[in-house]
Amino acid sequence: MLLLDHARREHALRARIAELGGERAGDVTILLLGYHPGPGEEGPQKGFDYAARALSAHWAAGERDLGATLPALAIPSGGFAVHATPG
């Protein structure tokens, strides 16, 4: 998670610089999303199915999952948050 450590340090520096200038740094929220194959799907070794029906099903599943996840997140004000879904 080296990139997250870097992003966290950069946000802290930007917040400090903004504070010195009498301003407020923006909030940062990072979502790390994982994917789990659904019932009947093989794991990552399988070939990709680019049929319209399959793609629509994947997009719909992702939309449902995000719709259920986003309202439950506690997004801090004036901070740096990382939320990771299981995966």
PDB file of N, CA and C in Angstrom:
ATOM      1  N   MET A   1       0.818  -1.198   0.000  1.00  0.00           N
ATOM      2  CA  MET A   1       0.000   0.000   0.000  1.00  0.00           C
ATOM      3  C   MET A   1       0.861   1.261   0.000  1.00  0.00           C
ATOM      4  N   LEU A   2       1.970   1.171  -0.672  1.00  0.00           N
ATOM      5  CA  LEU A   2       2.897   2.292  -0.752  1.00  0.00           C
ATOM      6  C   LEU A   2       2.240   3.530  -1.341  1.00  0.00           C
ATOM      7  N   LEU A   3       1.405   3.340  -2.370  1.00  0.00           N
ATOM      8  CA  LEU A   3       0.736   4.498  -2.981  1.00  0.00           C
ATOM      9  C   LEU A   3      -0.212   5.170  -2.001  1.00  0.00           C
ATOM     10  N   LEU A   4      -0.884   4.398  -1.166  1.00  0.00           N
ATOM     11  CA  LEU A   4      -1.771   5.001  -0.170  1.00  0.00           C
ATOM     12  C   LEU A   4      -0.984   5.774   0.872  1.00  0.00           C
ATOM     13  N   ASP A   5       0.147   5.229   1.278  1.00  0.00           N
ATOM     14  CA  ASP A   5       1.003   5.956   2.231  1.00  0.00           C
ATOM     15  C   ASP A   5       1.453   7.283   1.628  1.00  0.00           C
ATOM     16  N   HIS A   6       1.840   7.243   0.362  1.00  0.00           N
ATOM     17  CA  HIS A   6       2.254   8.469  -0.321  1.00  0.00           C
ATOM     18  C   HIS A   6       1.091   9.468  -0.390  1.00  0.00           C
ATOM     19  N   ALA A   7      -0.081   8.992  -0.756  1.00  0.00           N
ATOM     20  CA  ALA A   7      -1.246   9.878  -0.859  1.00  0.00           C
ATOM     21  C   ALA A   7      -1.590  10.486   0.497  1.00  0.00           C
ATOM     22  N   ARG A   8      -1.482   9.687   1.553  1.00  0.00           N
ATOM     23  CA  ARG A   8      -1.779  10.194   2.905  1.00  0.00           C
ATOM     24  C   ARG A   8      -0.783  11.287   3.298  1.00  0.00           C
ATOM     25  N   ARG A   9       0.514  11.068   3.012  1.00  0.00           N
ATOM     26  CA  ARG A   9       1.537  12.077   3.331  1.00  0.00           C
ATOM     27  C   ARG A   9       1.324  13.343   2.497  1.00  0.00           C
ATOM     28  N   GLU A  10       1.015  13.157   1.216  1.00  0.00           N
ATOM     29  CA  GLU A  10       0.780  14.318   0.359  1.00  0.00           C
ATOM     30  C   GLU A  10      -0.409  15.133   0.859  1.00  0.00           C
ATOM     31  N   HIS A  11      -1.474  14.451   1.263  1.00  0.00           N
ATOM     32  CA  HIS A  11      -2.641  15.172   1.773  1.00  0.00           C
ATOM     33  C   HIS A  11      -2.287  15.943   3.040  1.00  0.00           C
ATOM     34  N   ALA A  12      -1.508  15.328   3.927  1.00  0.00           N
ATOM     35  CA  ALA A  12      -1.098  16.018   5.158  1.00  0.00           C
ATOM     36  C   ALA A  12      -0.274  17.256   4.836  1.00  0.00           C
ATOM     37  N   LEU A  13       0.638  17.140   3.866  1.00  0.00           N
ATOM     38  CA  LEU A  13       1.440  18.298   3.476  1.00  0.00           C
ATOM     39  C   LEU A  13       0.571  19.402   2.860  1.00  0.00           C
ATOM     40  N   ARG A  14      -0.352  19.011   1.985  1.00  0.00           N
ATOM     41  CA  ARG A  14      -1.245  20.007   1.376  1.00  0.00           C
ATOM     42  C   ARG A  14      -2.107  20.687   2.431  1.00  0.00           C
ATOM     43  N   ALA A  15      -2.564  19.911   3.414  1.00  0.00           N
ATOM     44  CA  ALA A  15      -3.373  20.478   4.490  1.00  0.00           C
ATOM     45  C   ALA A  15      -2.556  21.489   5.298  1.00  0.00           C
ATOM     46  N   ARG A  16      -1.310  21.153   5.567  1.00  0.00           N
ATOM     47  CA  ARG A  16      -0.434  22.056   6.329  1.00  0.00           C
ATOM     48  C   ARG A  16      -0.156  23.339   5.542  1.00  0.00           C
ATOM     49  N   ILE A  17       0.109  23.199   4.244  1.00  0.00           N
ATOM     50  CA  ILE A  17       0.357  24.375   3.401  1.00  0.00           C
ATOM     51  C   ILE A  17      -0.888  25.253   3.347  1.00  0.00           C
ATOM     52  N   ALA A  18      -2.045  24.637   3.190  1.00  0.00           N
ATOM     53  CA  ALA A  18      -3.294  25.402   3.150  1.00  0.00           C
ATOM     54  C   ALA A  18      -3.525  26.113   4.476  1.00  0.00           C
ATOM     55  N   GLU A  19      -3.233  25.424   5.565  1.00  0.00           N
ATOM     56  CA  GLU A  19      -3.402  26.007   6.905  1.00  0.00           C
ATOM     57  C   GLU A  19      -2.506  27.229   7.080  1.00  0.00           C
ATOM     58  N   LEU A  20      -1.270  27.130   6.608  1.00  0.00           N
ATOM     59  CA  LEU A  20      -0.351  28.252   6.709  1.00  0.00           C
ATOM     60  C   LEU A  20      -0.831  29.446   5.888  1.00  0.00           C
ATOM     61  N   GLY A  21      -1.566  29.177   4.819  1.00  0.00           N
ATOM     62  CA  GLY A  21      -2.107  30.248   3.986  1.00  0.00           C
ATOM     63  C   GLY A  21      -3.498  30.682   4.415  1.00  0.00           C
ATOM     64  N   GLY A  22      -3.969  30.168   5.561  1.00  0.00           N
ATOM     65  CA  GLY A  22      -5.283  30.560   6.057  1.00  0.00           C
ATOM     66  C   GLY A  22      -6.434  29.900   5.312  1.00  0.00           C
ATOM     67  N   GLU A  23      -6.156  28.793   4.663  1.00  0.00           N
ATOM     68  CA  GLU A  23      -7.196  28.099   3.913  1.00  0.00           C
ATOM     69  C   GLU A  23      -7.434  26.718   4.516  1.00  0.00           C
ATOM     70  N   ARG A  24      -8.379  26.010   3.923  1.00  0.00           N
ATOM     71  CA  ARG A  24      -8.693  24.651   4.371  1.00  0.00           C
ATOM     72  C   ARG A  24      -8.426  23.690   3.212  1.00  0.00           C
ATOM     73  N   ALA A  25      -7.726  22.604   3.486  1.00  0.00           N
ATOM     74  CA  ALA A  25      -7.453  21.606   2.451  1.00  0.00           C
ATOM     75  C   ALA A  25      -8.721  20.827   2.139  1.00  0.00           C
ATOM     76  N   GLY A  26      -8.822  20.337   0.928  1.00  0.00           N
ATOM     77  CA  GLY A  26      -9.977  19.539   0.533  1.00  0.00           C
ATOM     78  C   GLY A  26      -9.946  18.153   1.154  1.00  0.00           C
ATOM     79  N   ASP A  27     -11.098  17.533   1.196  1.00  0.00           N
ATOM     80  CA  ASP A  27     -11.205  16.178   1.722  1.00  0.00           C
ATOM     81  C   ASP A  27     -10.745  15.182   0.656  1.00  0.00           C
ATOM     82  N   VAL A  28     -10.232  14.049   1.096  1.00  0.00           N
ATOM     83  CA  VAL A  28      -9.822  12.978   0.188  1.00  0.00           C
ATOM     84  C   VAL A  28     -10.450  11.690   0.687  1.00  0.00           C
ATOM     85  N   THR A  29     -11.146  11.002  -0.191  1.00  0.00           N
ATOM     86  CA  THR A  29     -11.706   9.688   0.121  1.00  0.00           C
ATOM     87  C   THR A  29     -11.303   8.733  -0.994  1.00  0.00           C
ATOM     88  N   ILE A  30     -10.706   7.625  -0.617  1.00  0.00           N
ATOM     89  CA  ILE A  30     -10.273   6.615  -1.575  1.00  0.00           C
ATOM     90  C   ILE A  30     -11.056   5.337  -1.307  1.00  0.00           C
ATOM     91  N   LEU A  31     -11.630   4.776  -2.346  1.00  0.00           N
ATOM     92  CA  LEU A  31     -12.352   3.510  -2.234  1.00  0.00           C
ATOM     93  C   LEU A  31     -11.553   2.419  -2.936  1.00  0.00           C
ATOM     94  N   LEU A  32     -11.244   1.358  -2.227  1.00  0.00           N
ATOM     95  CA  LEU A  32     -10.575   0.199  -2.816  1.00  0.00           C
ATOM     96  C   LEU A  32     -11.636  -0.879  -2.974  1.00  0.00           C
ATOM     97  N   LEU A  33     -11.957  -1.202  -4.200  1.00  0.00           N
ATOM     98  CA  LEU A  33     -13.044  -2.133  -4.465  1.00  0.00           C
ATOM     99  C   LEU A  33     -12.493  -3.486  -4.894  1.00  0.00           C
ATOM    100  N   GLY A  34     -13.056  -4.548  -4.345  1.00  0.00           N
ATOM    101  CA  GLY A  34     -12.665  -5.904  -4.720  1.00  0.00           C
ATOM    102  C   GLY A  34     -13.790  -6.560  -5.501  1.00  0.00           C
ATOM    103  N   TYR A  35     -13.441  -7.553  -6.293  1.00  0.00           N
ATOM    104  CA  TYR A  35     -14.438  -8.271  -7.080  1.00  0.00           C
ATOM    105  C   TYR A  35     -14.409  -9.736  -6.704  1.00  0.00           C
ATOM    106  N   HIS A  36     -15.575 -10.288  -6.491  1.00  0.00           N
ATOM    107  CA  HIS A  36     -15.720 -11.713  -6.236  1.00  0.00           C
ATOM    108  C   HIS A  36     -16.629 -12.289  -7.310  1.00  0.00           C
ATOM    109  N   PRO A  37     -16.208 -13.362  -7.965  1.00  0.00           N
ATOM    110  CA  PRO A  37     -17.071 -13.964  -8.976  1.00  0.00           C
ATOM    111  C   PRO A  37     -18.410 -14.381  -8.363  1.00  0.00           C
ATOM    112  N   GLY A  38     -19.457 -14.182  -9.110  1.00  0.00           N
ATOM    113  CA  GLY A  38     -20.780 -14.559  -8.643  1.00  0.00           C
ATOM    114  C   GLY A  38     -21.012 -16.048  -8.789  1.00  0.00           C
ATOM    115  N   PRO A  39     -22.159 -16.515  -8.308  1.00  0.00           N
ATOM    116  CA  PRO A  39     -22.474 -17.944  -8.449  1.00  0.00           C
ATOM    117  C   PRO A  39     -22.447 -18.343  -9.929  1.00  0.00           C
ATOM    118  N   GLY A  40     -21.835 -19.450 -10.201  1.00  0.00           N
ATOM    119  CA  GLY A  40     -21.763 -19.914 -11.579  1.00  0.00           C
ATOM    120  C   GLY A  40     -20.593 -19.348 -12.366  1.00  0.00           C
ATOM    121  N   GLU A  41     -19.861 -18.402 -11.798  1.00  0.00           N
ATOM    122  CA  GLU A  41     -18.697 -17.830 -12.478  1.00  0.00           C
ATOM    123  C   GLU A  41     -17.447 -18.558 -12.021  1.00  0.00           C
ATOM    124  N   GLU A  42     -16.538 -18.730 -12.931  1.00  0.00           N
ATOM    125  CA  GLU A  42     -15.243 -19.293 -12.559  1.00  0.00           C
ATOM    126  C   GLU A  42     -14.372 -18.182 -11.995  1.00  0.00           C
ATOM    127  N   GLY A  43     -13.206 -18.562 -11.521  1.00  0.00           N
ATOM    128  CA  GLY A  43     -12.286 -17.591 -10.946  1.00  0.00           C
ATOM    129  C   GLY A  43     -11.560 -16.792 -12.015  1.00  0.00           C
ATOM    130  N   PRO A  44     -10.457 -16.144 -11.648  1.00  0.00           N
ATOM    131  CA  PRO A  44      -9.745 -15.257 -12.556  1.00  0.00           C
ATOM    132  C   PRO A  44      -9.088 -15.973 -13.741  1.00  0.00           C
ATOM    133  N   GLN A  45      -8.997 -17.313 -13.705  1.00  0.00           N
ATOM    134  CA  GLN A  45      -8.348 -18.031 -14.799  1.00  0.00           C
ATOM    135  C   GLN A  45      -9.243 -18.146 -16.029  1.00  0.00           C
ATOM    136  N   LYS A  46     -10.533 -17.947 -15.887  1.00  0.00           N
ATOM    137  CA  LYS A  46     -11.447 -18.159 -17.014  1.00  0.00           C
ATOM    138  C   LYS A  46     -11.284 -17.078 -18.079  1.00  0.00           C
ATOM    139  N   GLY A  47     -11.733 -17.386 -19.270  1.00  0.00           N
ATOM    140  CA  GLY A  47     -11.728 -16.398 -20.342  1.00  0.00           C
ATOM    141  C   GLY A  47     -12.774 -15.333 -20.064  1.00  0.00           C
ATOM    142  N   PHE A  48     -12.588 -14.166 -20.609  1.00  0.00           N
ATOM    143  CA  PHE A  48     -13.521 -13.077 -20.371  1.00  0.00           C
ATOM    144  C   PHE A  48     -14.694 -13.175 -21.335  1.00  0.00           C
ATOM    145  N   ASP A  49     -15.868 -12.952 -20.817  1.00  0.00           N
ATOM    146  CA  ASP A  49     -17.098 -12.992 -21.616  1.00  0.00           C
ATOM    147  C   ASP A  49     -17.513 -11.560 -21.902  1.00  0.00           C
ATOM    148  N   TYR A  50     -17.382 -11.139 -23.155  1.00  0.00           N
ATOM    149  CA  TYR A  50     -17.711  -9.776 -23.536  1.00  0.00           C
ATOM    150  C   TYR A  50     -19.079  -9.668 -24.206  1.00  0.00           C
ATOM    151  N   ALA A  51     -19.895 -10.676 -24.067  1.00  0.00           N
ATOM    152  CA  ALA A  51     -21.246 -10.615 -24.625  1.00  0.00           C
ATOM    153  C   ALA A  51     -22.019  -9.507 -23.913  1.00  0.00           C
ATOM    154  N   ALA A  52     -22.904  -8.847 -24.641  1.00  0.00           N
ATOM    155  CA  ALA A  52     -23.670  -7.731 -24.068  1.00  0.00           C
ATOM    156  C   ALA A  52     -24.405  -8.158 -22.807  1.00  0.00           C
ATOM    157  N   ARG A  53     -24.969  -9.354 -22.813  1.00  0.00           N
ATOM    158  CA  ARG A  53     -25.712  -9.843 -21.649  1.00  0.00           C
ATOM    159  C   ARG A  53     -24.797  -9.961 -20.423  1.00  0.00           C
ATOM    160  N   ALA A  54     -23.602 -10.524 -20.622  1.00  0.00           N
ATOM    161  CA  ALA A  54     -22.656 -10.703 -19.519  1.00  0.00           C
ATOM    162  C   ALA A  54     -22.158  -9.356 -18.995  1.00  0.00           C
ATOM    163  N   LEU A  55     -21.823  -8.453 -19.897  1.00  0.00           N
ATOM    164  CA  LEU A  55     -21.346  -7.132 -19.469  1.00  0.00           C
ATOM    165  C   LEU A  55     -22.429  -6.377 -18.717  1.00  0.00           C
ATOM    166  N   SER A  56     -23.651  -6.455 -19.197  1.00  0.00           N
ATOM    167  CA  SER A  56     -24.765  -5.779 -18.502  1.00  0.00           C
ATOM    168  C   SER A  56     -24.953  -6.332 -17.105  1.00  0.00           C
ATOM    169  N   ALA A  57     -24.844  -7.648 -16.971  1.00  0.00           N
ATOM    170  CA  ALA A  57     -24.996  -8.275 -15.650  1.00  0.00           C
ATOM    171  C   ALA A  57     -23.889  -7.820 -14.703  1.00  0.00           C
ATOM    172  N   HIS A  58     -22.641  -7.750 -15.195  1.00  0.00           N
ATOM    173  CA  HIS A  58     -21.522  -7.294 -14.352  1.00  0.00           C
ATOM    174  C   HIS A  58     -21.715  -5.840 -13.921  1.00  0.00           C
ATOM    175  N   TRP A  59     -22.099  -4.982 -14.856  1.00  0.00           N
ATOM    176  CA  TRP A  59     -22.304  -3.572 -14.529  1.00  0.00           C
ATOM    177  C   TRP A  59     -23.454  -3.411 -13.535  1.00  0.00           C
ATOM    178  N   ALA A  60     -24.528  -4.150 -13.717  1.00  0.00           N
ATOM    179  CA  ALA A  60     -25.674  -4.069 -12.802  1.00  0.00           C
ATOM    180  C   ALA A  60     -25.278  -4.533 -11.406  1.00  0.00           C
ATOM    181  N   ALA A  61     -24.490  -5.603 -11.321  1.00  0.00           N
ATOM    182  CA  ALA A  61     -24.033  -6.093 -10.016  1.00  0.00           C
ATOM    183  C   ALA A  61     -23.155  -5.048  -9.327  1.00  0.00           C
ATOM    184  N   GLY A  62     -22.261  -4.428 -10.095  1.00  0.00           N
ATOM    185  CA  GLY A  62     -21.406  -3.387  -9.519  1.00  0.00           C
ATOM    186  C   GLY A  62     -22.205  -2.194  -9.037  1.00  0.00           C
ATOM    187  N   GLU A  63     -23.203  -1.804  -9.802  1.00  0.00           N
ATOM    188  CA  GLU A  63     -24.056  -0.681  -9.406  1.00  0.00           C
ATOM    189  C   GLU A  63     -24.814  -0.998  -8.123  1.00  0.00           C
ATOM    190  N   ARG A  64     -25.331  -2.221  -8.019  1.00  0.00           N
ATOM    191  CA  ARG A  64     -26.040  -2.631  -6.787  1.00  0.00           C
ATOM    192  C   ARG A  64     -25.095  -2.613  -5.592  1.00  0.00           C
ATOM    193  N   ASP A  65     -23.895  -3.168  -5.772  1.00  0.00           N
ATOM    194  CA  ASP A  65     -22.929  -3.227  -4.670  1.00  0.00           C
ATOM    195  C   ASP A  65     -22.525  -1.832  -4.197  1.00  0.00           C
ATOM    196  N   LEU A  66     -22.231  -0.935  -5.142  1.00  0.00           N
ATOM    197  CA  LEU A  66     -21.867   0.434  -4.754  1.00  0.00           C
ATOM    198  C   LEU A  66     -23.046   1.157  -4.113  1.00  0.00           C
ATOM    199  N   GLY A  67     -24.239   0.918  -4.633  1.00  0.00           N
ATOM    200  CA  GLY A  67     -25.435   1.535  -4.048  1.00  0.00           C
ATOM    201  C   GLY A  67     -25.643   1.115  -2.609  1.00  0.00           C
ATOM    202  N   ALA A  68     -25.247  -0.110  -2.281  1.00  0.00           N
ATOM    203  CA  ALA A  68     -25.368  -0.597  -0.903  1.00  0.00           C
ATOM    204  C   ALA A  68     -24.202  -0.132  -0.031  1.00  0.00           C
ATOM    205  N   THR A  69     -23.024   0.056  -0.640  1.00  0.00           N
ATOM    206  CA  THR A  69     -21.821   0.390   0.123  1.00  0.00           C
ATOM    207  C   THR A  69     -21.697   1.878   0.421  1.00  0.00           C
ATOM    208  N   LEU A  70     -21.894   2.722  -0.568  1.00  0.00           N
ATOM    209  CA  LEU A  70     -21.635   4.154  -0.397  1.00  0.00           C
ATOM    210  C   LEU A  70     -22.415   4.805   0.743  1.00  0.00           C
ATOM    211  N   PRO A  71     -23.706   4.536   0.904  1.00  0.00           N
ATOM    212  CA  PRO A  71     -24.415   5.190   2.012  1.00  0.00           C
ATOM    213  C   PRO A  71     -23.886   4.790   3.390  1.00  0.00           C
ATOM    214  N   ALA A  72     -23.245   3.632   3.492  1.00  0.00           N
ATOM    215  CA  ALA A  72     -22.760   3.159   4.787  1.00  0.00           C
ATOM    216  C   ALA A  72     -21.401   3.740   5.164  1.00  0.00           C
ATOM    217  N   LEU A  73     -20.729   4.402   4.236  1.00  0.00           N
ATOM    218  CA  LEU A  73     -19.399   4.938   4.518  1.00  0.00           C
ATOM    219  C   LEU A  73     -19.478   6.202   5.352  1.00  0.00           C
ATOM    220  N   ALA A  74     -18.592   6.297   6.302  1.00  0.00           N
ATOM    221  CA  ALA A  74     -18.464   7.518   7.087  1.00  0.00           C
ATOM    222  C   ALA A  74     -17.374   8.355   6.428  1.00  0.00           C
ATOM    223  N   ILE A  75     -17.771   9.375   5.695  1.00  0.00           N
ATOM    224  CA  ILE A  75     -16.812  10.234   5.003  1.00  0.00           C
ATOM    225  C   ILE A  75     -16.459  11.389   5.943  1.00  0.00           C
ATOM    226  N   PRO A  76     -15.215  11.442   6.415  1.00  0.00           N
ATOM    227  CA  PRO A  76     -14.848  12.502   7.347  1.00  0.00           C
ATOM    228  C   PRO A  76     -14.757  13.854   6.657  1.00  0.00           C
ATOM    229  N   SER A  77     -14.939  14.872   7.413  1.00  0.00           N
ATOM    230  CA  SER A  77     -14.791  16.226   6.897  1.00  0.00           C
ATOM    231  C   SER A  77     -13.390  16.708   7.244  1.00  0.00           C
ATOM    232  N   GLY A  78     -12.684  17.209   6.228  1.00  0.00           N
ATOM    233  CA  GLY A  78     -11.353  17.757   6.472  1.00  0.00           C
ATOM    234  C   GLY A  78     -10.305  16.694   6.710  1.00  0.00           C
ATOM    235  N   GLY A  79     -10.507  15.508   6.150  1.00  0.00           N
ATOM    236  CA  GLY A  79      -9.547  14.458   6.420  1.00  0.00           C
ATOM    237  C   GLY A  79      -9.231  13.609   5.221  1.00  0.00           C
ATOM    238  N   PHE A  80      -8.581  12.507   5.513  1.00  0.00           N
ATOM    239  CA  PHE A  80      -8.146  11.545   4.516  1.00  0.00           C
ATOM    240  C   PHE A  80      -8.683  10.206   4.945  1.00  0.00           C
ATOM    241  N   ALA A  81      -9.506   9.570   4.116  1.00  0.00           N
ATOM    242  CA  ALA A  81     -10.103   8.283   4.489  1.00  0.00           C
ATOM    243  C   ALA A  81      -9.877   7.264   3.388  1.00  0.00           C
ATOM    244  N   VAL A  82      -9.613   6.030   3.794  1.00  0.00           N
ATOM    245  CA  VAL A  82      -9.499   4.919   2.864  1.00  0.00           C
ATOM    246  C   VAL A  82     -10.496   3.863   3.300  1.00  0.00           C
ATOM    247  N   HIS A  83     -11.342   3.455   2.386  1.00  0.00           N
ATOM    248  CA  HIS A  83     -12.319   2.403   2.646  1.00  0.00           C
ATOM    249  C   HIS A  83     -12.020   1.255   1.691  1.00  0.00           C
ATOM    250  N   ALA A  84     -11.939   0.045   2.204  1.00  0.00           N
ATOM    251  CA  ALA A  84     -11.660  -1.122   1.370  1.00  0.00           C
ATOM    252  C   ALA A  84     -12.792  -2.127   1.508  1.00  0.00           C
ATOM    253  N   THR A  85     -13.289  -2.600   0.365  1.00  0.00           N
ATOM    254  CA  THR A  85     -14.276  -3.663   0.389  1.00  0.00           C
ATOM    255  C   THR A  85     -13.524  -4.979   0.474  1.00  0.00           C
ATOM    256  N   PRO A  86     -14.157  -6.014   1.014  1.00  0.00           N
ATOM    257  CA  PRO A  86     -13.469  -7.314   1.056  1.00  0.00           C
ATOM    258  C   PRO A  86     -13.118  -7.757  -0.350  1.00  0.00           C
ATOM    259  N   GLY A  87     -11.966  -8.280  -0.515  1.00  0.00           N
ATOM    260  CA  GLY A  87     -11.580  -8.732  -1.841  1.00  0.00           C
ATOM    261  C   GLY A  87     -10.172  -8.765  -1.998  1.00  0.00           C
TER     262      GLY A  87
END
